[in-house]
Amino acid sequence: MSKTSVDVSHERSHSEIMIILYALMLAMLLAALDQTIVSTALPKIVQDLHGLNKLSWVATSYLLTSAIVTPLYGKISDQIGRKKVFIFAIILFLFGSALCGFSQNMDQLVIFRGIQGLGGGGLISLALAVIGDIVPPRQRGKYQGYFGGVFAISSVLGPLLGGLFTEHISWRWIFYINLPLGLIALSAISARLHLPPNKIKHKIDYFGSILMSISLACLLLALTWGGNTYAWGSNQIMSLFAGFTVFTAGLIFWETKASEPFFPLDLFKRPIFVVSSALSAVAGLTLLGTVIFLPAYQQIVRGESPISSGLHLLPLVIGIFSMVITGGRLITKTGRYKIFPIIGTLIAGVGLWLLSHVTAHTSTLALSSWMFVTGVGIGLFLQVMVLAVQNSVERERLGTATGLVTFFRSIGSSIGTAVFGAFLINRLSVHISEVLPKADKGLSKAIAGSGLSGSTANLPIAIKDQIFVAFSRSFHDLFLFALPFVLLGFLLALILEEVPLRNSVGEKPIAE
């Protein structure tokens, strides 16, 4: 197949890139925020729309659809052009956001959140791919560092804005706020983003995308429902895992036969792509799989409000943001990237070990210091994987490769949130049995569930004090449990191959 026609005669200036970058960051921020912003608004949403039994689906429907379409956006954008696909994703996201704000019952909200996710799944991967289109790999580190900061900010800003709108305006504004911001991003991208057209005709692997979608849906539903809606060993969860296995096998078989596979298996023969994808999954797992529970610790054990608990995550954000910016500039200056995930995973491991020392009486200074260290570690390796992969693939496959790396980070985040959440509930039940030895097993589990959701207000003071102790011990276990995963990331970073960063967007990658 012939190469895509690429115009590399004009290298954009820093000011031109920054105008586009601000629009891309805004679009990415909207998608990242909507993964977390509903968390503090859910109790009020359930109260207004009367659908407690569908509460988990408000988050799950967005997660499912956005993760499923992420690789699809990358592949299609490689085939018909990045700009028009990006504009479509933004419009679909804004349409879904408006529908969510107008929802009159929980069924509508769940469906509209799914529509919103269909748009949101393209915003993150396409933003990263566009940077690959307009910035040479050697210069890309300093620009992609900003995107790592967007993820860090969204992890705090989401719950914070969710609580602020819910308490002072209306929960519907967690969706309406997307409209003016999204229109700004849409206008900037439409007016300022000019990319060379793709003149090559392609076939879209629809059947492969369907197999992948079903496979991923089975996995994410199993991880979301397991240990929560259904027991891990229940027929429902086992059937979902079986479905994931069968459809994944079918996907692999089909992609070996497809003329233009949706999920190109030859990429998995490239060591840089395989290692970077695994590292990306570890990054997602570490960032969301552990620190997402810090607001729960602060609200339950320290008695903080949703807004206050969000503000107290600022040291984590400062650590991440400062290092993605610093690391990106150092990559651009030195042309080397391998050292950053090596150092970053080590520092993140130290930070998680420090966080494992939380107690019911941990000082704000100590907790802030530990979060900052963890953030520094995460920030050093958060965006390196995308850069390494984009530097190693041909331009006409940049969107596909970027979408897949982003896809694996989403999967890592989903697995981390599900597995660590189930682990925390289990350890909380065990520690409640220790501090309340007269409570039977069923009561311990009930109190554990109440404590994790923050609904402890109706419990006696003496019992609440003991729950706080149990919760602190559970967090100790959680962060220790996360350490082996960070160690895995360190080992992966050691074997990540480093190739010279290209100085032009049109330069061919060095063969692995």
Protein backbone atom coordinates (compact mmCIF):
# COMPACT_ATOMS: atom_id res chain seq x y z
CA MET A 1 0.00 0.00 0.00
CA SER A 2 1.36 3.40 -0.92
CA LYS A 3 2.25 5.98 1.66
CA THR A 4 -0.07 8.80 2.60
CA SER A 5 0.79 12.09 1.01
CA VAL A 6 2.29 14.36 3.65
CA ASP A 7 3.18 17.98 3.32
CA VAL A 8 6.14 18.72 5.52
CA SER A 9 7.27 21.87 3.80
CA HIS A 10 5.95 24.07 6.56
CA GLU A 11 7.06 23.56 10.15
CA ARG A 12 4.75 25.44 12.49
CA SER A 13 6.08 28.10 14.82
CA HIS A 14 5.76 27.81 18.59
CA SER A 15 2.96 30.40 18.67
CA GLU A 16 1.00 28.53 15.96
CA ILE A 17 1.39 25.26 17.84
CA MET A 18 0.31 26.80 21.15
CA ILE A 19 -2.97 28.12 19.69
CA ILE A 20 -3.82 24.60 18.53
CA LEU A 21 -2.48 23.12 21.76
CA TYR A 22 -4.83 25.17 23.95
CA ALA A 23 -7.82 23.93 21.97
CA LEU A 24 -6.60 20.32 22.16
CA MET A 25 -6.01 20.59 25.90
CA LEU A 26 -9.48 22.02 26.44
CA ALA A 27 -11.07 19.19 24.46
CA MET A 28 -9.03 16.60 26.37
CA LEU A 29 -9.88 18.22 29.70
CA LEU A 30 -13.60 17.90 28.97
CA ALA A 31 -13.26 14.18 28.25
CA ALA A 32 -11.04 13.55 31.28
CA LEU A 33 -13.30 15.54 33.60
CA ASP A 34 -16.36 13.54 32.65
CA GLN A 35 -14.69 10.39 33.95
CA THR A 36 -14.68 11.82 37.49
CA ILE A 37 -17.02 14.81 37.73
CA VAL A 38 -20.15 12.75 38.40
CA SER A 39 -18.72 11.06 41.51
CA THR A 40 -19.66 13.80 43.99
CA ALA A 41 -22.96 14.57 42.21
CA LEU A 42 -24.34 11.01 42.14
CA PRO A 43 -26.19 11.12 45.50
CA LYS A 44 -28.13 14.22 44.43
CA ILE A 45 -28.75 12.82 40.94
CA VAL A 46 -30.21 9.63 42.40
CA GLN A 47 -32.38 11.66 44.77
CA ASP A 48 -33.79 13.78 41.92
CA LEU A 49 -34.21 11.06 39.29
CA HIS A 50 -35.22 8.18 41.61
CA GLY A 51 -32.96 5.41 40.32
CA LEU A 52 -30.66 4.07 43.03
CA ASN A 53 -30.44 0.65 41.36
CA LYS A 54 -28.96 2.27 38.23
CA LEU A 55 -26.44 4.46 40.04
CA SER A 56 -23.33 2.57 38.91
CA TRP A 57 -24.46 2.72 35.29
CA VAL A 58 -24.15 6.52 35.20
CA ALA A 59 -20.37 6.07 35.35
CA THR A 60 -20.18 2.66 33.66
CA SER A 61 -22.03 3.63 30.48
CA TYR A 62 -19.60 6.50 29.81
CA LEU A 63 -16.58 4.33 30.61
CA LEU A 64 -17.77 1.50 28.37
CA THR A 65 -18.54 3.52 25.26
CA SER A 66 -15.52 5.83 25.51
CA ALA A 67 -13.07 2.95 25.94
CA ILE A 68 -14.63 0.92 23.13
CA VAL A 69 -14.40 3.67 20.51
CA THR A 70 -10.92 4.97 21.41
CA PRO A 71 -8.99 2.65 19.03
CA LEU A 72 -11.71 3.10 16.39
CA TYR A 73 -11.20 6.87 16.30
CA GLY A 74 -7.46 6.44 15.82
CA LYS A 75 -7.89 4.00 12.95
CA ILE A 76 -10.56 6.02 11.14
CA SER A 77 -8.60 9.26 11.55
CA ASP A 78 -5.62 7.60 9.85
CA GLN A 79 -7.91 6.74 6.94
CA ILE A 80 -10.05 9.84 6.34
CA GLY A 81 -8.13 12.60 8.13
CA ARG A 82 -7.69 13.75 11.72
CA LYS A 83 -9.48 17.11 11.67
CA LYS A 84 -12.91 16.05 10.45
CA VAL A 85 -12.98 13.05 12.82
CA PHE A 86 -11.95 15.26 15.75
CA ILE A 87 -14.68 17.79 14.93
CA PHE A 88 -17.23 14.95 14.77
CA ALA A 89 -16.09 13.64 18.18
CA ILE A 90 -16.43 17.07 19.80
CA ILE A 91 -19.91 17.64 18.35
CA LEU A 92 -21.08 14.19 19.47
CA PHE A 93 -19.65 14.79 22.95
CA LEU A 94 -21.42 18.15 23.25
CA PHE A 95 -24.68 16.65 21.96
CA GLY A 96 -24.47 13.91 24.60
CA SER A 97 -23.63 16.48 27.29
CA ALA A 98 -26.72 18.54 26.45
CA LEU A 99 -28.91 15.44 26.55
CA CYS A 100 -27.44 14.44 29.94
CA GLY A 101 -28.33 17.86 31.35
CA PHE A 102 -31.93 17.49 30.13
CA SER A 103 -32.37 13.96 31.53
CA GLN A 104 -35.71 13.40 33.29
CA ASN A 105 -35.04 9.90 34.65
CA MET A 106 -32.14 7.54 35.26
CA ASP A 107 -32.75 5.48 32.13
CA GLN A 108 -32.36 8.58 29.99
CA LEU A 109 -29.23 9.67 31.85
CA VAL A 110 -27.58 6.26 31.42
CA ILE A 111 -28.31 6.23 27.67
CA PHE A 112 -27.20 9.83 27.19
CA ARG A 113 -23.99 9.21 29.15
CA GLY A 114 -23.27 6.42 26.68
CA ILE A 115 -23.74 8.85 23.78
CA GLN A 116 -21.46 11.33 25.54
CA GLY A 117 -18.83 8.61 25.89
CA LEU A 118 -19.01 7.84 22.17
CA GLY A 119 -17.71 11.37 21.59
CA GLY A 120 -15.43 11.55 24.60
CA GLY A 121 -13.53 8.43 23.56
CA GLY A 122 -12.10 10.28 20.58
CA LEU A 123 -11.08 13.50 22.29
CA ILE A 124 -8.08 12.19 24.22
CA SER A 125 -6.51 9.90 21.61
CA LEU A 126 -7.11 12.31 18.73
CA ALA A 127 -5.62 15.24 20.66
CA LEU A 128 -2.43 13.24 21.19
CA ALA A 129 -2.42 12.12 17.56
CA VAL A 130 -2.80 15.72 16.29
CA ILE A 131 0.28 16.72 18.27
CA GLY A 132 2.06 13.88 16.47
CA ASP A 133 0.93 15.40 13.17
CA ILE A 134 2.19 18.93 13.79
CA VAL A 135 5.20 18.57 16.10
CA PRO A 136 8.44 16.62 15.38
CA PRO A 137 9.18 13.85 17.92
CA ARG A 138 12.30 15.66 19.19
CA GLN A 139 10.16 18.70 20.11
CA ARG A 140 7.07 16.72 21.13
CA GLY A 141 8.03 16.05 24.74
CA LYS A 142 7.61 19.64 25.90
CA TYR A 143 4.16 19.87 24.31
CA GLN A 144 2.84 16.47 25.37
CA GLY A 145 3.86 17.26 28.92
CA TYR A 146 0.96 19.68 29.10
CA PHE A 147 -1.44 16.82 28.40
CA GLY A 148 -0.13 14.90 31.38
CA GLY A 149 -0.96 17.94 33.47
CA VAL A 150 -4.49 17.89 32.08
CA PHE A 151 -5.01 14.35 33.40
CA ALA A 152 -3.64 15.33 36.78
CA ILE A 153 -5.81 18.43 37.02
CA SER A 154 -8.94 16.56 35.93
CA SER A 155 -8.49 13.98 38.71
CA VAL A 156 -8.89 16.80 41.25
CA LEU A 157 -11.00 19.30 39.34
CA GLY A 158 -13.65 16.70 38.45
CA PRO A 159 -14.84 15.85 41.98
CA LEU A 160 -14.28 19.48 43.02
CA LEU A 161 -16.50 20.92 40.28
CA GLY A 162 -19.03 18.15 40.76
CA GLY A 163 -19.40 19.05 44.41
CA LEU A 164 -19.40 22.81 43.72
CA PHE A 165 -22.13 22.70 41.07
CA THR A 166 -24.23 20.23 43.05
CA GLU A 167 -24.06 22.21 46.28
CA HIS A 168 -24.49 25.73 44.88
CA ILE A 169 -26.21 25.53 41.45
CA SER A 170 -27.50 22.22 40.10
CA TRP A 171 -25.99 18.85 39.23
CA ARG A 172 -27.15 19.46 35.65
CA TRP A 173 -24.37 22.01 35.29
CA ILE A 174 -21.73 19.28 35.45
CA PHE A 175 -22.92 18.56 31.90
CA TYR A 176 -23.96 22.04 30.74
CA ILE A 177 -20.52 23.47 31.50
CA ASN A 178 -19.17 21.37 28.63
CA LEU A 179 -21.17 23.32 26.05
CA PRO A 180 -19.47 26.76 26.11
CA LEU A 181 -16.01 25.27 26.69
CA GLY A 182 -16.49 22.69 23.96
CA LEU A 183 -17.66 25.32 21.48
CA ILE A 184 -14.49 27.32 22.12
CA ALA A 185 -12.38 24.24 21.41
CA LEU A 186 -14.46 23.42 18.34
CA SER A 187 -14.09 26.94 16.92
CA ALA A 188 -10.32 27.01 17.46
CA ILE A 189 -9.77 23.59 15.90
CA SER A 190 -12.04 24.37 12.93
CA ALA A 191 -10.29 27.66 12.23
CA ARG A 192 -6.63 26.95 13.09
CA LEU A 193 -5.99 23.22 12.62
CA HIS A 194 -4.85 22.61 9.03
CA LEU A 195 -3.60 19.13 8.21
CA PRO A 196 -2.72 17.56 4.85
CA PRO A 197 -5.58 15.49 3.39
CA ASN A 198 -5.39 11.73 3.14
CA LYS A 199 -5.80 10.79 -0.52
CA ILE A 200 -5.60 7.02 -0.09
CA LYS A 201 -8.77 4.94 -0.16
CA HIS A 202 -9.16 2.52 2.75
CA LYS A 203 -11.50 -0.17 3.95
CA ILE A 204 -12.86 0.03 7.49
CA ASP A 205 -12.80 -3.26 9.39
CA TYR A 206 -16.33 -3.08 10.78
CA PHE A 207 -16.49 -6.71 11.87
CA GLY A 208 -13.21 -6.44 13.76
CA SER A 209 -14.46 -3.32 15.56
CA ILE A 210 -17.65 -5.16 16.57
CA LEU A 211 -15.67 -8.12 17.96
CA MET A 212 -13.37 -5.78 19.88
CA SER A 213 -16.33 -3.80 21.25
CA ILE A 214 -18.11 -6.90 22.55
CA SER A 215 -14.89 -8.29 24.02
CA LEU A 216 -14.10 -5.04 25.82
CA ALA A 217 -17.68 -4.63 27.03
CA CYS A 218 -17.55 -8.09 28.63
CA LEU A 219 -14.25 -7.30 30.37
CA LEU A 220 -15.25 -3.87 31.68
CA LEU A 221 -18.66 -5.08 32.87
CA ALA A 222 -17.03 -7.98 34.71
CA LEU A 223 -14.53 -5.64 36.38
CA THR A 224 -17.20 -3.05 37.19
CA TRP A 225 -19.78 -5.47 38.58
CA GLY A 226 -17.40 -8.02 40.15
CA GLY A 227 -17.41 -7.87 43.94
CA ASN A 228 -20.02 -5.11 43.82
CA THR A 229 -23.22 -5.94 41.95
CA TYR A 230 -22.34 -9.65 41.73
CA ALA A 231 -19.83 -11.87 43.53
CA TRP A 232 -16.59 -12.51 41.66
CA GLY A 233 -17.39 -16.21 41.39
CA SER A 234 -21.02 -15.74 40.31
CA ASN A 235 -22.39 -17.11 37.05
CA GLN A 236 -22.85 -13.57 35.72
CA ILE A 237 -19.21 -12.57 36.22
CA MET A 238 -17.83 -15.89 35.02
CA SER A 239 -20.01 -15.66 31.90
CA LEU A 240 -18.65 -12.19 31.18
CA PHE A 241 -15.05 -13.36 31.53
CA ALA A 242 -15.86 -16.31 29.27
CA GLY A 243 -17.37 -13.93 26.73
CA PHE A 244 -14.25 -11.76 26.89
CA THR A 245 -12.05 -14.82 26.21
CA VAL A 246 -14.17 -16.10 23.30
CA PHE A 247 -14.56 -12.76 21.54
CA THR A 248 -10.89 -11.86 22.07
CA ALA A 249 -9.88 -15.14 20.46
CA GLY A 250 -12.30 -14.43 17.61
CA LEU A 251 -10.85 -10.92 17.22
CA ILE A 252 -7.27 -12.23 17.01
CA PHE A 253 -8.28 -14.83 14.41
CA TRP A 254 -10.23 -12.33 12.31
CA GLU A 255 -7.50 -9.68 12.39
CA THR A 256 -5.00 -12.16 10.92
CA LYS A 257 -7.31 -12.44 7.88
CA ALA A 258 -8.52 -8.85 7.45
CA SER A 259 -6.95 -6.85 4.61
CA GLU A 260 -6.82 -3.66 6.72
CA PRO A 261 -7.29 -4.84 10.31
CA PHE A 262 -8.95 -2.57 12.83
CA PHE A 263 -6.62 -3.96 15.52
CA PRO A 264 -3.33 -4.41 13.58
CA LEU A 265 -1.54 -7.34 15.16
CA ASP A 266 1.77 -6.57 13.49
CA LEU A 267 2.18 -3.64 15.88
CA PHE A 268 2.48 -6.19 18.67
CA LYS A 269 5.61 -7.53 16.99
CA ARG A 270 7.31 -4.22 17.75
CA PRO A 271 9.01 -4.24 21.19
CA ILE A 272 8.63 -0.48 21.69
CA PHE A 273 4.88 -0.65 21.08
CA VAL A 274 4.38 -3.69 23.36
CA VAL A 275 6.45 -2.31 26.25
CA SER A 276 4.97 1.18 25.94
CA SER A 277 1.41 -0.19 25.89
CA ALA A 278 2.11 -2.25 29.02
CA LEU A 279 3.69 0.79 30.70
CA SER A 280 0.68 2.89 29.70
CA ALA A 281 -1.62 0.37 31.39
CA VAL A 282 0.53 0.53 34.54
CA ALA A 283 0.39 4.34 34.45
CA GLY A 284 -3.41 4.30 34.27
CA LEU A 285 -3.64 1.67 36.95
CA THR A 286 -1.30 3.54 39.29
CA LEU A 287 -2.84 6.99 38.80
CA LEU A 288 -6.55 6.16 38.96
CA GLY A 289 -6.37 2.78 40.67
CA THR A 290 -4.95 4.23 43.88
CA VAL A 291 -5.17 8.02 44.14
CA ILE A 292 -8.85 8.04 43.16
CA PHE A 293 -9.55 6.71 46.66
CA LEU A 294 -7.71 9.51 48.47
CA PRO A 295 -10.80 11.79 48.52
CA ALA A 296 -12.74 8.98 50.21
CA TYR A 297 -10.06 8.78 52.92
CA GLN A 298 -10.16 12.52 53.43
CA GLN A 299 -13.96 12.77 53.52
CA ILE A 300 -14.58 9.80 55.80
CA VAL A 301 -11.58 9.72 58.13
CA ARG A 302 -10.75 13.43 58.18
CA GLY A 303 -14.35 14.65 57.86
CA GLU A 304 -13.71 16.96 54.91
CA SER A 305 -16.32 18.13 52.41
CA PRO A 306 -16.15 17.05 48.74
CA ILE A 307 -14.81 20.48 47.78
CA SER A 308 -12.21 20.50 50.55
CA SER A 309 -11.05 16.95 49.79
CA GLY A 310 -10.53 17.96 46.16
CA LEU A 311 -8.47 20.97 47.15
CA HIS A 312 -6.31 18.83 49.41
CA LEU A 313 -5.23 16.80 46.36
CA LEU A 314 -3.39 19.83 44.99
CA PRO A 315 0.07 18.57 46.13
CA LEU A 316 -0.47 15.49 43.98
CA VAL A 317 -1.44 17.66 41.01
CA ILE A 318 1.50 20.01 41.53
CA GLY A 319 3.87 17.05 41.61
CA ILE A 320 2.47 15.55 38.41
CA PHE A 321 2.14 18.81 36.51
CA SER A 322 5.60 20.11 37.41
CA MET A 323 7.27 16.88 36.33
CA VAL A 324 5.41 16.36 33.06
CA ILE A 325 6.45 19.89 32.07
CA THR A 326 10.03 19.52 33.32
CA GLY A 327 10.40 16.00 31.95
CA GLY A 328 9.02 17.04 28.58
CA ARG A 329 11.48 19.90 28.26
CA LEU A 330 14.38 17.66 29.27
CA ILE A 331 13.36 15.10 26.65
CA THR A 332 13.33 17.84 24.01
CA LYS A 333 16.73 19.11 25.18
CA THR A 334 18.49 15.74 25.47
CA GLY A 335 16.60 13.65 22.92
CA ARG A 336 16.41 10.81 25.44
CA TYR A 337 13.28 9.41 27.08
CA LYS A 338 14.02 6.00 28.62
CA ILE A 339 15.48 7.31 31.87
CA PHE A 340 12.27 9.12 32.83
CA PRO A 341 9.97 6.08 33.31
CA ILE A 342 12.81 4.31 35.14
CA ILE A 343 13.22 7.13 37.66
CA GLY A 344 9.49 7.90 37.70
CA THR A 345 8.38 4.41 38.65
CA LEU A 346 10.95 4.29 41.44
CA ILE A 347 9.81 7.62 42.88
CA ALA A 348 6.14 6.65 42.52
CA GLY A 349 6.93 3.47 44.43
CA VAL A 350 8.49 5.50 47.24
CA GLY A 351 5.42 7.75 47.28
CA LEU A 352 3.02 4.80 47.54
CA TRP A 353 5.13 3.33 50.33
CA LEU A 354 4.93 6.65 52.19
CA LEU A 355 1.14 6.79 51.65
CA SER A 356 0.87 3.34 53.16
CA HIS A 357 1.70 4.99 56.51
CA VAL A 358 -1.61 6.92 56.66
CA THR A 359 -3.48 6.69 59.95
CA ALA A 360 -6.54 8.32 61.40
CA HIS A 361 -4.25 11.04 62.78
CA THR A 362 -1.87 11.69 59.85
CA SER A 363 -1.07 15.41 59.64
CA THR A 364 -1.98 17.45 56.60
CA LEU A 365 1.70 18.34 56.07
CA ALA A 366 2.79 14.71 56.02
CA LEU A 367 -0.05 13.61 53.73
CA SER A 368 0.61 16.51 51.35
CA SER A 369 4.33 15.65 51.20
CA TRP A 370 3.60 12.00 50.43
CA MET A 371 1.13 12.91 47.70
CA PHE A 372 3.65 15.32 46.17
CA VAL A 373 6.31 12.61 45.99
CA THR A 374 3.83 10.23 44.36
CA GLY A 375 2.84 12.91 41.88
CA VAL A 376 6.47 13.60 40.95
CA GLY A 377 6.96 9.92 40.15
CA ILE A 378 3.78 9.61 38.09
CA GLY A 379 4.51 12.84 36.23
CA LEU A 380 7.93 11.64 35.09
CA PHE A 381 6.55 8.70 33.10
CA LEU A 382 2.92 9.59 32.38
CA GLN A 383 3.39 10.76 28.77
CA VAL A 384 6.63 9.05 27.72
CA MET A 385 4.86 5.98 26.30
CA VAL A 386 2.87 7.94 23.71
CA LEU A 387 6.02 9.76 22.62
CA ALA A 388 8.04 6.54 22.29
CA VAL A 389 5.34 4.85 20.20
CA GLN A 390 4.71 7.85 17.93
CA ASN A 391 8.44 8.09 17.30
CA SER A 392 8.59 4.45 16.23
CA VAL A 393 5.65 4.21 13.81
CA GLU A 394 5.01 5.50 10.31
CA ARG A 395 3.01 8.72 10.02
CA GLU A 396 0.08 7.01 8.30
CA ARG A 397 -0.31 4.73 11.35
CA LEU A 398 0.19 7.41 13.99
CA GLY A 399 -3.50 7.68 14.91
CA THR A 400 -3.94 3.92 15.18
CA ALA A 401 -0.88 3.50 17.41
CA THR A 402 -1.76 6.50 19.59
CA GLY A 403 -5.34 5.29 19.98
CA LEU A 404 -4.17 1.85 21.09
CA VAL A 405 -1.71 3.21 23.67
CA THR A 406 -4.47 5.46 25.04
CA PHE A 407 -6.80 2.47 24.98
CA PHE A 408 -4.43 0.44 27.17
CA ARG A 409 -4.16 3.30 29.65
CA SER A 410 -7.98 3.38 29.87
CA ILE A 411 -8.03 -0.37 30.44
CA GLY A 412 -5.38 -0.03 33.14
CA SER A 413 -7.44 2.68 34.85
CA SER A 414 -10.57 0.52 34.70
CA ILE A 415 -8.80 -2.54 36.05
CA GLY A 416 -7.08 -0.54 38.78
CA THR A 417 -10.29 1.14 39.91
CA ALA A 418 -12.21 -2.15 39.96
CA VAL A 419 -9.55 -4.37 41.53
CA PHE A 420 -8.26 -1.87 44.08
CA GLY A 421 -11.82 -0.88 44.99
CA ALA A 422 -12.74 -4.51 45.64
CA PHE A 423 -9.50 -4.99 47.60
CA LEU A 424 -10.18 -1.93 49.75
CA ILE A 425 -13.72 -3.08 50.58
CA ASN A 426 -12.43 -6.55 51.48
CA ARG A 427 -9.68 -5.21 53.75
CA LEU A 428 -12.10 -2.76 55.35
CA SER A 429 -14.43 -5.62 56.20
CA VAL A 430 -11.52 -7.56 57.72
CA HIS A 431 -10.27 -4.63 59.80
CA ILE A 432 -13.79 -3.76 61.00
CA SER A 433 -14.05 -7.33 62.29
CA GLU A 434 -10.79 -6.71 64.15
CA VAL A 435 -11.82 -3.42 65.77
CA LEU A 436 -15.41 -4.56 66.34
CA PRO A 437 -14.88 -8.20 67.28
CA LYS A 438 -18.49 -8.73 68.36
CA ALA A 439 -19.86 -7.83 64.93
CA ASP A 440 -20.76 -10.81 62.77
CA LYS A 441 -19.40 -11.19 59.25
CA GLY A 442 -22.53 -9.87 57.53
CA LEU A 443 -22.64 -6.79 59.71
CA SER A 444 -18.94 -6.13 59.10
CA LYS A 445 -19.50 -6.18 55.35
CA ALA A 446 -22.51 -3.89 55.66
CA ILE A 447 -20.56 -1.38 57.75
CA ALA A 448 -17.63 -1.63 55.31
CA GLY A 449 -19.89 -0.75 52.40
CA SER A 450 -21.38 2.12 54.35
CA GLY A 451 -17.97 3.40 55.35
CA LEU A 452 -16.58 3.29 51.82
CA SER A 453 -19.48 5.25 50.43
CA GLY A 454 -19.16 7.84 53.14
CA SER A 455 -22.60 7.08 54.60
CA THR A 456 -21.53 6.74 58.22
CA ALA A 457 -23.44 9.68 59.65
CA ASN A 458 -26.12 7.55 61.33
CA LEU A 459 -23.68 5.26 63.13
CA PRO A 460 -22.83 5.76 66.83
CA ILE A 461 -19.74 7.89 67.52
CA ALA A 462 -17.84 5.03 69.16
CA ILE A 463 -18.40 2.79 66.14
CA LYS A 464 -17.47 5.57 63.71
CA ASP A 465 -14.16 6.10 65.53
CA GLN A 466 -13.36 2.43 65.15
CA ILE A 467 -14.36 2.52 61.49
CA PHE A 468 -11.92 5.38 60.94
CA VAL A 469 -9.16 3.21 62.40
CA ALA A 470 -10.21 0.29 60.20
CA PHE A 471 -10.33 2.53 57.15
CA SER A 472 -6.81 3.86 57.80
CA ARG A 473 -5.49 0.31 58.13
CA SER A 474 -7.22 -0.58 54.86
CA PHE A 475 -5.48 2.26 53.09
CA HIS A 476 -2.17 0.99 54.45
CA ASP A 477 -2.94 -2.35 52.82
CA LEU A 478 -4.12 -0.74 49.58
CA PHE A 479 -0.97 1.24 48.91
CA LEU A 480 1.24 -1.72 49.77
CA PHE A 481 -0.87 -3.81 47.40
CA ALA A 482 -0.16 -1.26 44.64
CA LEU A 483 3.63 -1.45 45.05
CA PRO A 484 4.17 -4.65 42.99
CA PHE A 485 2.37 -3.05 40.06
CA VAL A 486 4.72 -0.06 40.17
CA LEU A 487 7.66 -2.50 40.40
CA LEU A 488 6.33 -4.14 37.24
CA GLY A 489 6.38 -0.72 35.60
CA PHE A 490 10.02 -0.27 36.67
CA LEU A 491 10.99 -3.60 35.11
CA LEU A 492 9.17 -2.69 31.91
CA ALA A 493 10.94 0.67 31.80
CA LEU A 494 14.31 -1.11 32.02
CA ILE A 495 13.60 -3.06 28.82
CA LEU A 496 12.03 -0.14 26.91
CA GLU A 497 14.11 0.40 23.78
CA GLU A 498 15.31 3.92 23.14
CA VAL A 499 15.72 5.14 19.57
CA PRO A 500 16.76 8.65 18.47
CA LEU A 501 13.87 11.11 18.37
CA ARG A 502 13.16 12.36 14.86
CA ASN A 503 13.61 16.06 14.08
CA SER A 504 10.83 16.32 11.48
CA VAL A 505 7.20 15.18 11.31
CA GLY A 506 7.87 13.77 7.85
CA GLU A 507 11.08 11.88 8.72
CA LYS A 508 10.77 8.11 8.56
CA PRO A 509 11.10 6.21 11.87
CA ILE A 510 14.18 4.12 12.55
CA ALA A 511 13.35 0.44 12.21
CA GLU A 512 13.36 -1.49 15.46
